[in-house]
Amino acid sequence: MDLSRVKGRNLWVRAAALQRVKLADRMDNKPNQLSGGQQQRVAIARAIVNQPLLVLADEPTGALDSHTTKDVLTIFSELNATGITVVMVTHEPDVARLTRRIVWFRDGEIMDAHLTPADIGHLTATV
């Protein structure tokens, strides 16, 4: 996230978003100087700054270690608590267990649109 042309409150908001995703020390780096996981976290920081009503996240934890995955999921939970809808695609049952609602797709078809985290055990047994 290039902050060289950003001034005042916007600079503070953007810097705080990078700190929230634990990338404050990478503020001056270009995308090609970041790992895939770091680039994913920059995208999350952008979402925080822009305060959208909806966040679409395609495998947001796929390139992250377990500690950073927990941090990212905490951020998504906090965003959701403020009224932001988070739609996340994941193949990781442990990640899906932390959501409130699960829509299960198989081969491009919706198999079940009303699953809860309690259904994950059944779901993984039938895959």
N, C-alpha and C. Protein backbone atom coordinates (compact mmCIF):
# COMPACT_ATOMS: atom_id res chain seq x y z
N MET A 1 0.86 -1.16 0.00
CA MET A 1 0.00 0.00 0.00
C MET A 1 0.91 1.23 0.00
N ASP A 2 0.92 1.97 -1.07
CA ASP A 2 1.78 3.15 -1.19
C ASP A 2 1.12 4.32 -0.46
N LEU A 3 1.76 4.78 0.59
CA LEU A 3 1.20 5.87 1.40
C LEU A 3 1.91 7.19 1.18
N SER A 4 2.79 7.24 0.19
CA SER A 4 3.60 8.45 -0.01
C SER A 4 2.78 9.68 -0.39
N ARG A 5 1.62 9.49 -1.02
CA ARG A 5 0.80 10.63 -1.45
C ARG A 5 -0.41 10.86 -0.55
N VAL A 6 -0.50 10.09 0.51
CA VAL A 6 -1.66 10.17 1.40
C VAL A 6 -1.32 11.11 2.56
N LYS A 7 -2.29 11.95 2.91
CA LYS A 7 -2.04 12.94 3.96
C LYS A 7 -3.12 12.88 5.04
N GLY A 8 -2.79 13.44 6.19
CA GLY A 8 -3.75 13.65 7.27
C GLY A 8 -4.41 12.39 7.78
N ARG A 9 -5.70 12.50 8.03
CA ARG A 9 -6.47 11.39 8.61
C ARG A 9 -6.41 10.14 7.75
N ASN A 10 -6.47 10.29 6.42
CA ASN A 10 -6.41 9.13 5.55
C ASN A 10 -5.13 8.33 5.76
N LEU A 11 -4.03 9.02 5.96
CA LEU A 11 -2.76 8.34 6.22
C LEU A 11 -2.85 7.52 7.50
N TRP A 12 -3.41 8.13 8.54
CA TRP A 12 -3.54 7.43 9.81
C TRP A 12 -4.44 6.21 9.68
N VAL A 13 -5.57 6.35 8.98
CA VAL A 13 -6.52 5.24 8.81
C VAL A 13 -5.86 4.09 8.05
N ARG A 14 -5.14 4.41 6.99
CA ARG A 14 -4.49 3.37 6.20
C ARG A 14 -3.36 2.69 6.97
N ALA A 15 -2.59 3.48 7.69
CA ALA A 15 -1.51 2.91 8.51
C ALA A 15 -2.09 2.00 9.60
N ALA A 16 -3.20 2.41 10.20
CA ALA A 16 -3.84 1.60 11.24
C ALA A 16 -4.36 0.29 10.65
N ALA A 17 -4.88 0.33 9.43
CA ALA A 17 -5.36 -0.89 8.77
C ALA A 17 -4.20 -1.86 8.52
N LEU A 18 -3.07 -1.34 8.08
CA LEU A 18 -1.90 -2.20 7.88
C LEU A 18 -1.41 -2.77 9.21
N GLN A 19 -1.48 -1.99 10.25
CA GLN A 19 -1.07 -2.49 11.56
C GLN A 19 -2.03 -3.59 12.02
N ARG A 20 -3.30 -3.41 11.74
CA ARG A 20 -4.30 -4.39 12.15
C ARG A 20 -4.06 -5.76 11.52
N VAL A 21 -3.53 -5.77 10.28
CA VAL A 21 -3.22 -7.05 9.62
C VAL A 21 -1.74 -7.41 9.79
N LYS A 22 -1.08 -6.74 10.73
CA LYS A 22 0.32 -7.00 11.10
C LYS A 22 1.29 -6.82 9.94
N LEU A 23 1.09 -5.73 9.18
CA LEU A 23 1.99 -5.41 8.07
C LEU A 23 2.50 -3.97 8.14
N ALA A 24 2.45 -3.35 9.30
CA ALA A 24 2.91 -1.96 9.42
C ALA A 24 4.37 -1.83 9.00
N ASP A 25 5.17 -2.86 9.24
CA ASP A 25 6.58 -2.81 8.87
C ASP A 25 6.81 -2.95 7.37
N ARG A 26 5.77 -3.26 6.62
CA ARG A 26 5.87 -3.43 5.16
C ARG A 26 5.21 -2.28 4.40
N MET A 27 4.92 -1.20 5.08
CA MET A 27 4.19 -0.07 4.52
C MET A 27 4.79 0.46 3.22
N ASP A 28 6.11 0.43 3.10
CA ASP A 28 6.77 1.00 1.92
C ASP A 28 7.09 -0.04 0.85
N ASN A 29 6.70 -1.29 1.06
CA ASN A 29 6.99 -2.34 0.09
C ASN A 29 6.02 -2.31 -1.08
N LYS A 30 6.49 -2.73 -2.22
CA LYS A 30 5.66 -2.91 -3.42
C LYS A 30 5.09 -4.33 -3.40
N PRO A 31 4.01 -4.59 -4.15
CA PRO A 31 3.41 -5.93 -4.15
C PRO A 31 4.41 -7.05 -4.48
N ASN A 32 5.32 -6.81 -5.41
CA ASN A 32 6.26 -7.87 -5.78
C ASN A 32 7.30 -8.14 -4.69
N GLN A 33 7.28 -7.35 -3.63
CA GLN A 33 8.18 -7.55 -2.50
C GLN A 33 7.48 -8.25 -1.33
N LEU A 34 6.23 -8.63 -1.54
CA LEU A 34 5.43 -9.28 -0.51
C LEU A 34 5.13 -10.72 -0.88
N SER A 35 5.01 -11.57 0.12
CA SER A 35 4.60 -12.95 -0.13
C SER A 35 3.11 -12.97 -0.50
N GLY A 36 2.64 -14.12 -0.97
CA GLY A 36 1.22 -14.25 -1.30
C GLY A 36 0.33 -13.98 -0.11
N GLY A 37 0.72 -14.50 1.06
CA GLY A 37 -0.06 -14.26 2.27
C GLY A 37 -0.08 -12.80 2.68
N GLN A 38 1.06 -12.13 2.51
CA GLN A 38 1.12 -10.70 2.82
C GLN A 38 0.25 -9.90 1.86
N GLN A 39 0.23 -10.28 0.59
CA GLN A 39 -0.62 -9.60 -0.39
C GLN A 39 -2.10 -9.78 -0.03
N GLN A 40 -2.45 -10.99 0.45
CA GLN A 40 -3.83 -11.22 0.88
C GLN A 40 -4.19 -10.30 2.05
N ARG A 41 -3.27 -10.14 2.98
CA ARG A 41 -3.54 -9.28 4.13
C ARG A 41 -3.62 -7.81 3.74
N VAL A 42 -2.86 -7.39 2.72
CA VAL A 42 -3.00 -6.02 2.22
C VAL A 42 -4.41 -5.82 1.65
N ALA A 43 -4.92 -6.83 0.94
CA ALA A 43 -6.28 -6.74 0.40
C ALA A 43 -7.30 -6.59 1.53
N ILE A 44 -7.09 -7.29 2.62
CA ILE A 44 -7.98 -7.16 3.78
C ILE A 44 -7.86 -5.76 4.38
N ALA A 45 -6.65 -5.23 4.45
CA ALA A 45 -6.46 -3.86 4.95
C ALA A 45 -7.20 -2.86 4.08
N ARG A 46 -7.17 -3.07 2.77
CA ARG A 46 -7.92 -2.17 1.87
C ARG A 46 -9.41 -2.23 2.17
N ALA A 47 -9.90 -3.43 2.44
CA ALA A 47 -11.32 -3.57 2.77
C ALA A 47 -11.64 -2.82 4.06
N ILE A 48 -10.76 -2.90 5.03
CA ILE A 48 -10.97 -2.18 6.30
C ILE A 48 -11.05 -0.68 6.05
N VAL A 49 -10.13 -0.16 5.24
CA VAL A 49 -10.08 1.28 4.96
C VAL A 49 -11.33 1.75 4.22
N ASN A 50 -11.79 0.95 3.26
CA ASN A 50 -12.92 1.36 2.42
C ASN A 50 -14.28 1.16 3.08
N GLN A 51 -14.34 0.49 4.20
CA GLN A 51 -15.57 0.25 4.95
C GLN A 51 -16.74 -0.19 4.05
N PRO A 52 -16.57 -1.30 3.35
CA PRO A 52 -17.64 -1.76 2.46
C PRO A 52 -18.80 -2.38 3.24
N LEU A 53 -19.90 -2.57 2.58
CA LEU A 53 -21.02 -3.29 3.18
C LEU A 53 -20.84 -4.79 3.02
N LEU A 54 -20.02 -5.18 2.02
CA LEU A 54 -19.81 -6.59 1.69
C LEU A 54 -18.34 -6.83 1.39
N VAL A 55 -17.78 -7.88 1.98
CA VAL A 55 -16.42 -8.32 1.68
C VAL A 55 -16.53 -9.70 1.06
N LEU A 56 -15.99 -9.88 -0.14
CA LEU A 56 -15.93 -11.18 -0.80
C LEU A 56 -14.50 -11.69 -0.66
N ALA A 57 -14.34 -12.85 -0.05
CA ALA A 57 -13.00 -13.38 0.22
C ALA A 57 -12.89 -14.79 -0.35
N ASP A 58 -12.08 -14.95 -1.39
CA ASP A 58 -11.87 -16.25 -2.03
C ASP A 58 -10.60 -16.87 -1.46
N GLU A 59 -10.78 -17.90 -0.65
CA GLU A 59 -9.66 -18.59 0.01
C GLU A 59 -8.72 -17.60 0.72
N PRO A 60 -9.25 -16.76 1.60
CA PRO A 60 -8.40 -15.73 2.22
C PRO A 60 -7.32 -16.27 3.13
N THR A 61 -7.45 -17.53 3.55
CA THR A 61 -6.45 -18.10 4.44
C THR A 61 -5.59 -19.15 3.76
N GLY A 62 -5.77 -19.34 2.47
CA GLY A 62 -5.07 -20.40 1.74
C GLY A 62 -3.56 -20.31 1.78
N ALA A 63 -3.00 -19.12 1.82
CA ALA A 63 -1.54 -18.96 1.80
C ALA A 63 -1.00 -18.51 3.16
N LEU A 64 -1.79 -18.72 4.22
CA LEU A 64 -1.40 -18.22 5.54
C LEU A 64 -1.07 -19.36 6.50
N ASP A 65 -0.18 -19.09 7.44
CA ASP A 65 0.08 -20.07 8.50
C ASP A 65 -1.09 -20.04 9.48
N SER A 66 -1.11 -20.99 10.40
CA SER A 66 -2.27 -21.12 11.30
C SER A 66 -2.44 -19.90 12.21
N HIS A 67 -1.35 -19.31 12.65
CA HIS A 67 -1.44 -18.13 13.53
C HIS A 67 -2.05 -16.94 12.78
N THR A 68 -1.57 -16.70 11.56
CA THR A 68 -2.08 -15.58 10.76
C THR A 68 -3.51 -15.85 10.32
N THR A 69 -3.83 -17.13 10.05
CA THR A 69 -5.21 -17.50 9.71
C THR A 69 -6.14 -17.08 10.85
N LYS A 70 -5.75 -17.37 12.08
CA LYS A 70 -6.57 -16.99 13.23
C LYS A 70 -6.75 -15.48 13.29
N ASP A 71 -5.67 -14.74 13.04
CA ASP A 71 -5.75 -13.27 13.06
C ASP A 71 -6.72 -12.75 12.00
N VAL A 72 -6.63 -13.30 10.79
CA VAL A 72 -7.50 -12.86 9.69
C VAL A 72 -8.96 -13.19 9.99
N LEU A 73 -9.21 -14.37 10.51
CA LEU A 73 -10.59 -14.75 10.83
C LEU A 73 -11.15 -13.89 11.96
N THR A 74 -10.30 -13.49 12.89
CA THR A 74 -10.73 -12.56 13.94
C THR A 74 -11.13 -11.22 13.34
N ILE A 75 -10.33 -10.74 12.39
CA ILE A 75 -10.66 -9.47 11.71
C ILE A 75 -11.99 -9.59 10.98
N PHE A 76 -12.19 -10.70 10.26
CA PHE A 76 -13.47 -10.89 9.56
C PHE A 76 -14.63 -10.91 10.55
N SER A 77 -14.45 -11.56 11.68
CA SER A 77 -15.49 -11.61 12.70
C SER A 77 -15.79 -10.21 13.24
N GLU A 78 -14.74 -9.43 13.47
CA GLU A 78 -14.93 -8.05 13.95
C GLU A 78 -15.64 -7.20 12.90
N LEU A 79 -15.26 -7.37 11.63
CA LEU A 79 -15.94 -6.63 10.56
C LEU A 79 -17.42 -7.00 10.52
N ASN A 80 -17.70 -8.29 10.64
CA ASN A 80 -19.08 -8.76 10.62
C ASN A 80 -19.87 -8.21 11.80
N ALA A 81 -19.23 -8.10 12.94
CA ALA A 81 -19.90 -7.56 14.13
C ALA A 81 -20.28 -6.09 13.96
N THR A 82 -19.61 -5.39 13.03
CA THR A 82 -19.95 -3.98 12.77
C THR A 82 -21.00 -3.84 11.67
N GLY A 83 -21.52 -4.98 11.18
CA GLY A 83 -22.57 -4.93 10.16
C GLY A 83 -22.09 -5.21 8.75
N ILE A 84 -20.82 -5.50 8.58
CA ILE A 84 -20.29 -5.82 7.25
C ILE A 84 -20.51 -7.31 6.99
N THR A 85 -21.10 -7.63 5.85
CA THR A 85 -21.30 -9.02 5.47
C THR A 85 -20.00 -9.55 4.87
N VAL A 86 -19.57 -10.71 5.35
CA VAL A 86 -18.36 -11.35 4.84
C VAL A 86 -18.77 -12.66 4.19
N VAL A 87 -18.51 -12.78 2.88
CA VAL A 87 -18.76 -14.01 2.15
C VAL A 87 -17.39 -14.60 1.83
N MET A 88 -17.15 -15.80 2.32
CA MET A 88 -15.83 -16.40 2.20
C MET A 88 -15.94 -17.78 1.55
N VAL A 89 -15.05 -18.04 0.61
CA VAL A 89 -14.92 -19.37 0.00
C VAL A 89 -13.75 -20.05 0.68
N THR A 90 -13.96 -21.29 1.12
CA THR A 90 -12.86 -22.04 1.73
C THR A 90 -13.04 -23.53 1.48
N HIS A 91 -11.93 -24.23 1.45
CA HIS A 91 -11.94 -25.69 1.40
C HIS A 91 -11.50 -26.25 2.76
N GLU A 92 -11.32 -25.38 3.73
CA GLU A 92 -10.80 -25.77 5.04
C GLU A 92 -11.94 -25.89 6.05
N PRO A 93 -12.26 -27.12 6.47
CA PRO A 93 -13.35 -27.31 7.45
C PRO A 93 -13.14 -26.52 8.74
N ASP A 94 -11.90 -26.41 9.20
CA ASP A 94 -11.64 -25.66 10.44
C ASP A 94 -11.99 -24.18 10.28
N VAL A 95 -11.79 -23.65 9.09
CA VAL A 95 -12.16 -22.25 8.83
C VAL A 95 -13.68 -22.13 8.74
N ALA A 96 -14.32 -23.05 8.04
CA ALA A 96 -15.78 -23.02 7.90
C ALA A 96 -16.48 -23.14 9.25
N ARG A 97 -15.88 -23.90 10.17
CA ARG A 97 -16.46 -24.07 11.51
C ARG A 97 -16.59 -22.75 12.27
N LEU A 98 -15.83 -21.76 11.89
CA LEU A 98 -15.84 -20.49 12.60
C LEU A 98 -16.86 -19.50 12.04
N THR A 99 -17.66 -19.94 11.09
CA THR A 99 -18.66 -19.07 10.48
C THR A 99 -20.04 -19.34 11.08
N ARG A 100 -20.98 -18.47 10.76
CA ARG A 100 -22.34 -18.67 11.25
C ARG A 100 -23.21 -19.45 10.28
N ARG A 101 -22.89 -19.35 9.00
CA ARG A 101 -23.69 -20.02 7.98
C ARG A 101 -22.78 -20.56 6.91
N ILE A 102 -23.11 -21.75 6.41
CA ILE A 102 -22.30 -22.41 5.39
C ILE A 102 -23.20 -22.80 4.23
N VAL A 103 -22.76 -22.47 3.03
CA VAL A 103 -23.42 -22.92 1.81
C VAL A 103 -22.45 -23.90 1.16
N TRP A 104 -22.88 -25.14 1.01
CA TRP A 104 -22.00 -26.19 0.48
C TRP A 104 -22.24 -26.36 -1.01
N PHE A 105 -21.17 -26.21 -1.77
CA PHE A 105 -21.19 -26.42 -3.22
C PHE A 105 -20.44 -27.70 -3.54
N ARG A 106 -20.90 -28.40 -4.56
CA ARG A 106 -20.17 -29.55 -5.09
C ARG A 106 -20.38 -29.55 -6.60
N ASP A 107 -19.27 -29.57 -7.32
CA ASP A 107 -19.31 -29.59 -8.79
C ASP A 107 -20.18 -28.46 -9.35
N GLY A 108 -20.07 -27.28 -8.75
CA GLY A 108 -20.79 -26.10 -9.24
C GLY A 108 -22.26 -26.05 -8.86
N GLU A 109 -22.72 -26.98 -8.05
CA GLU A 109 -24.12 -27.03 -7.65
C GLU A 109 -24.25 -26.80 -6.15
N ILE A 110 -25.27 -26.07 -5.75
CA ILE A 110 -25.52 -25.90 -4.32
C ILE A 110 -26.12 -27.19 -3.78
N MET A 111 -25.40 -27.81 -2.86
CA MET A 111 -25.87 -29.05 -2.25
C MET A 111 -26.75 -28.75 -1.03
N ASP A 112 -26.36 -27.73 -0.27
CA ASP A 112 -27.13 -27.33 0.91
C ASP A 112 -26.81 -25.87 1.20
N ALA A 113 -27.84 -25.07 1.37
CA ALA A 113 -27.64 -23.63 1.59
C ALA A 113 -27.88 -23.21 3.03
N HIS A 114 -28.12 -24.16 3.91
CA HIS A 114 -28.48 -23.80 5.29
C HIS A 114 -27.72 -24.62 6.32
N LEU A 115 -26.44 -24.83 6.09
CA LEU A 115 -25.63 -25.57 7.05
C LEU A 115 -25.13 -24.65 8.15
N THR A 116 -24.86 -25.24 9.30
CA THR A 116 -24.27 -24.52 10.42
C THR A 116 -22.92 -25.16 10.74
N PRO A 117 -22.11 -24.51 11.56
CA PRO A 117 -20.83 -25.12 11.92
C PRO A 117 -20.97 -26.53 12.51
N ALA A 118 -22.07 -26.81 13.18
CA ALA A 118 -22.29 -28.14 13.75
C ALA A 118 -22.43 -29.21 12.67
N ASP A 119 -22.76 -28.81 11.45
CA ASP A 119 -22.94 -29.75 10.34
C ASP A 119 -21.62 -30.14 9.67
N ILE A 120 -20.53 -29.50 10.02
CA ILE A 120 -19.26 -29.71 9.33
C ILE A 120 -18.80 -31.16 9.40
N GLY A 121 -18.94 -31.81 10.55
CA GLY A 121 -18.52 -33.21 10.68
C GLY A 121 -19.23 -34.09 9.67
N HIS A 122 -20.53 -33.91 9.54
CA HIS A 122 -21.32 -34.66 8.57
C HIS A 122 -20.88 -34.34 7.15
N LEU A 123 -20.65 -33.08 6.90
CA LEU A 123 -20.27 -32.63 5.56
C LEU A 123 -18.94 -33.24 5.14
N THR A 124 -17.92 -33.22 6.00
CA THR A 124 -16.61 -33.76 5.62
C THR A 124 -16.66 -35.27 5.47
N ALA A 125 -17.58 -35.93 6.15
CA ALA A 125 -17.71 -37.38 6.03
C ALA A 125 -18.32 -37.79 4.70
N THR A 126 -19.06 -36.89 4.04
CA THR A 126 -19.74 -37.25 2.79
C THR A 126 -19.00 -36.78 1.55
N VAL A 127 -17.91 -36.05 1.72
CA VAL A 127 -17.19 -35.51 0.55
C VAL A 127 -16.42 -36.59 -0.14
